C-alpha atoms as a PDB file:
ATOM      1  CA  MET A   1      89.585 115.796 193.041  1.00  0.00           C
ATOM      2  CA  ARG A   2      87.003 115.723 195.907  1.00  0.00           C
ATOM      3  CA  VAL A   3      83.536 114.196 195.745  1.00  0.00           C
ATOM      4  CA  THR A   4      80.728 115.324 198.067  1.00  0.00           C
ATOM      5  CA  SER A   5      77.455 114.415 199.412  1.00  0.00           C
ATOM      6  CA  ILE A   6      74.883 116.339 201.383  1.00  0.00           C
ATOM      7  CA  ALA A   7      71.722 115.498 203.438  1.00  0.00           C
ATOM      8  CA  ALA A   8      69.439 117.429 205.481  1.00  0.00           C
ATOM      9  CA  VAL A   9      68.187 114.937 208.100  1.00  0.00           C
ATOM     10  CA  PRO A  10      64.838 115.906 209.597  1.00  0.00           C
ATOM     11  CA  THR A  11      64.995 116.200 213.469  1.00  0.00           C
ATOM     12  CA  SER A  12      64.493 118.625 216.085  1.00  0.00           C
ATOM     13  CA  SER A  13      67.341 117.235 218.082  1.00  0.00           C
ATOM     14  CA  GLY A  14      70.040 118.066 215.567  1.00  0.00           C
ATOM     15  CA  SER A  15      72.248 119.864 218.118  1.00  0.00           C
ATOM     16  CA  ARG A  16      72.166 117.005 220.693  1.00  0.00           C
ATOM     17  CA  TYR A  17      73.012 114.379 217.967  1.00  0.00           C
ATOM     18  CA  LEU A  18      75.744 116.533 216.645  1.00  0.00           C
ATOM     19  CA  GLN A  19      77.547 116.861 220.014  1.00  0.00           C
ATOM     20  CA  GLN A  20      76.903 113.155 220.904  1.00  0.00           C
ATOM     21  CA  LEU A  21      78.444 112.125 217.515  1.00  0.00           C
ATOM     22  CA  CYS A  22      81.378 114.525 217.793  1.00  0.00           C
ATOM     23  CA  LYS A  23      82.188 113.599 221.472  1.00  0.00           C
ATOM     24  CA  HIS A  24      81.985 109.806 220.450  1.00  0.00           C
ATOM     25  CA  TRP A  25      84.516 110.231 217.515  1.00  0.00           C
ATOM     26  CA  SER A  26      86.778 112.707 219.348  1.00  0.00           C
ATOM     27  CA  HIS A  27      88.402 109.790 221.236  1.00  0.00           C
ATOM     28  CA  ASN A  28      90.045 108.537 217.926  1.00  0.00           C
ATOM     29  CA  LEU A  29      89.557 111.152 215.385  1.00  0.00           C
ATOM     30  CA  GLU A  30      90.289 114.822 214.707  1.00  0.00           C
ATOM     31  CA  VAL A  31      87.123 116.587 215.794  1.00  0.00           C
ATOM     32  CA  ALA A  32      86.066 120.281 216.294  1.00  0.00           C
ATOM     33  CA  PHE A  33      82.616 121.331 217.429  1.00  0.00           C
ATOM     34  CA  ILE A  34      80.290 123.708 219.045  1.00  0.00           C
ATOM     35  CA  ALA A  35      76.583 123.373 219.702  1.00  0.00           C
ATOM     36  CA  ASP A  36      75.567 123.962 216.213  1.00  0.00           C
ATOM     37  CA  HIS A  37      78.538 123.006 214.011  1.00  0.00           C
ATOM     38  CA  GLY A  38      80.997 120.154 213.917  1.00  0.00           C
ATOM     39  CA  THR A  39      83.728 118.766 211.771  1.00  0.00           C
ATOM     40  CA  ILE A  40      85.169 115.134 211.938  1.00  0.00           C
ATOM     41  CA  ARG A  41      88.293 114.156 209.901  1.00  0.00           C
ATOM     42  CA  PHE A  42      88.530 110.477 208.981  1.00  0.00           C
ATOM     43  CA  PRO A  43      92.005 109.555 207.885  1.00  0.00           C
ATOM     44  CA  ALA A  44      92.810 108.002 204.574  1.00  0.00           C
ATOM     45  CA  GLU A  45      93.718 104.736 206.240  1.00  0.00           C
ATOM     46  CA  GLY A  46      91.536 103.503 208.948  1.00  0.00           C
ATOM     47  CA  ARG A  47      88.634 101.200 209.928  1.00  0.00           C
ATOM     48  CA  ALA A  48      86.608 102.438 206.979  1.00  0.00           C
ATOM     49  CA  GLY A  49      89.306 101.241 204.565  1.00  0.00           C
ATOM     50  CA  THR A  50      92.269 102.806 202.701  1.00  0.00           C
ATOM     51  CA  PHE A  51      91.669 105.633 200.316  1.00  0.00           C
ATOM     52  CA  PRO A  52      93.739 108.225 198.554  1.00  0.00           C
ATOM     53  CA  GLY A  53      92.894 111.059 201.042  1.00  0.00           C
ATOM     54  CA  ASP A  54      91.117 112.027 204.278  1.00  0.00           C
ATOM     55  CA  ALA A  55      87.268 112.339 204.432  1.00  0.00           C
ATOM     56  CA  LEU A  56      85.696 115.400 206.174  1.00  0.00           C
ATOM     57  CA  VAL A  57      82.198 115.082 207.616  1.00  0.00           C
ATOM     58  CA  THR A  58      80.656 118.604 208.345  1.00  0.00           C
ATOM     59  CA  LEU A  59      77.388 118.798 210.768  1.00  0.00           C
ATOM     60  CA  ASP A  60      75.282 121.830 211.056  1.00  0.00           C
ATOM     61  CA  ALA A  61      72.281 121.633 213.426  1.00  0.00           C
ATOM     62  CA  LYS A  62      69.143 123.651 212.498  1.00  0.00           C
ATOM     63  CA  ASP A  63      65.972 123.932 214.464  1.00  0.00           C
ATOM     64  CA  ASP A  64      64.285 121.146 212.260  1.00  0.00           C
ATOM     65  CA  ALA A  65      67.215 119.276 210.725  1.00  0.00           C
ATOM     66  CA  LEU A  66      70.725 118.268 210.905  1.00  0.00           C
ATOM     67  CA  ASP A  67      72.672 119.188 207.757  1.00  0.00           C
ATOM     68  CA  VAL A  68      75.246 116.511 206.944  1.00  0.00           C
ATOM     69  CA  ARG A  69      77.982 117.134 204.353  1.00  0.00           C
ATOM     70  CA  ILE A  70      80.745 114.615 203.340  1.00  0.00           C
ATOM     71  CA  ASP A  71      83.807 115.488 201.576  1.00  0.00           C
ATOM     72  CA  ALA A  72      85.554 112.330 200.333  1.00  0.00           C
ATOM     73  CA  SER A  73      88.689 111.595 198.177  1.00  0.00           C
ATOM     74  CA  VAL A  74      86.805 109.239 195.879  1.00  0.00           C
ATOM     75  CA  ALA A  75      83.306 107.969 195.434  1.00  0.00           C
ATOM     76  CA  GLU A  76      83.885 104.743 197.139  1.00  0.00           C
ATOM     77  CA  GLN A  77      84.937 106.515 200.282  1.00  0.00           C
ATOM     78  CA  ARG A  78      81.917 108.769 200.134  1.00  0.00           C
ATOM     79  CA  GLU A  79      79.583 105.679 200.019  1.00  0.00           C
ATOM     80  CA  VAL A  80      81.372 104.157 202.926  1.00  0.00           C
ATOM     81  CA  MET A  81      81.150 107.412 204.930  1.00  0.00           C
ATOM     82  CA  LYS A  82      77.353 107.797 204.086  1.00  0.00           C
ATOM     83  CA  ASP A  83      76.845 104.249 205.879  1.00  0.00           C
ATOM     84  CA  VAL A  84      79.209 105.083 208.798  1.00  0.00           C
ATOM     85  CA  VAL A  85      77.555 108.479 209.453  1.00  0.00           C
ATOM     86  CA  ALA A  86      73.957 107.179 209.034  1.00  0.00           C
ATOM     87  CA  ARG A  87      74.512 104.112 211.303  1.00  0.00           C
ATOM     88  CA  HIS A  88      76.065 106.094 214.018  1.00  0.00           C
ATOM     89  CA  LEU A  89      73.461 108.814 213.983  1.00  0.00           C
ATOM     90  CA  ASP A  90      70.719 106.260 214.100  1.00  0.00           C
ATOM     91  CA  ARG A  91      72.219 104.722 217.143  1.00  0.00           C
ATOM     92  CA  PHE A  92      72.200 108.032 218.935  1.00  0.00           C
ATOM     93  CA  ALA A  93      68.796 108.944 217.711  1.00  0.00           C
ATOM     94  CA  PHE A  94      67.367 105.385 218.605  1.00  0.00           C
ATOM     95  CA  ARG A  95      64.067 107.119 219.693  1.00  0.00           C
ATOM     96  CA  GLU A  96      63.588 108.608 216.218  1.00  0.00           C
ATOM     97  CA  ALA A  97      65.544 105.893 214.224  1.00  0.00           C
ATOM     98  CA  PRO A  98      65.794 105.191 211.538  1.00  0.00           C
ATOM     99  CA  LEU A  99      66.436 108.822 210.562  1.00  0.00           C
ATOM    100  CA  THR A 100      65.750 109.988 206.884  1.00  0.00           C
ATOM    101  CA  PHE A 101      68.937 110.570 204.883  1.00  0.00           C
ATOM    102  CA  ASP A 102      68.153 112.021 201.358  1.00  0.00           C
ATOM    103  CA  TRP A 103      71.646 112.141 200.120  1.00  0.00           C
ATOM    104  CA  LYS A 104      72.525 114.389 197.167  1.00  0.00           C
ATOM    105  CA  ASP A 105      75.865 113.631 195.476  1.00  0.00           C
ATOM    106  CA  GLY A 106      77.925 116.186 194.049  1.00  0.00           C
END
């Protein structure tokens, strides 16, 4: 079973933040990205904790927002990943921070 959460984060710099975040995590994680789409796989066992399966973060840059999707193995992992993603994006978006994350869980 997978649990998901999505957020459309208002920003006109979504592509820049997506690329910065993917480059940042590419040193330690499985990452794939182009200017307007990226994926980051967080292993089941890592700094964020130990969970039944991997988590996948998908980023899609739009003109006025950065769409963020988290697919996690359990609800606890999803909550941890929300915090990890938000903190890192706010760090790269320091001029706009804090960004608005209106998470919708599924």
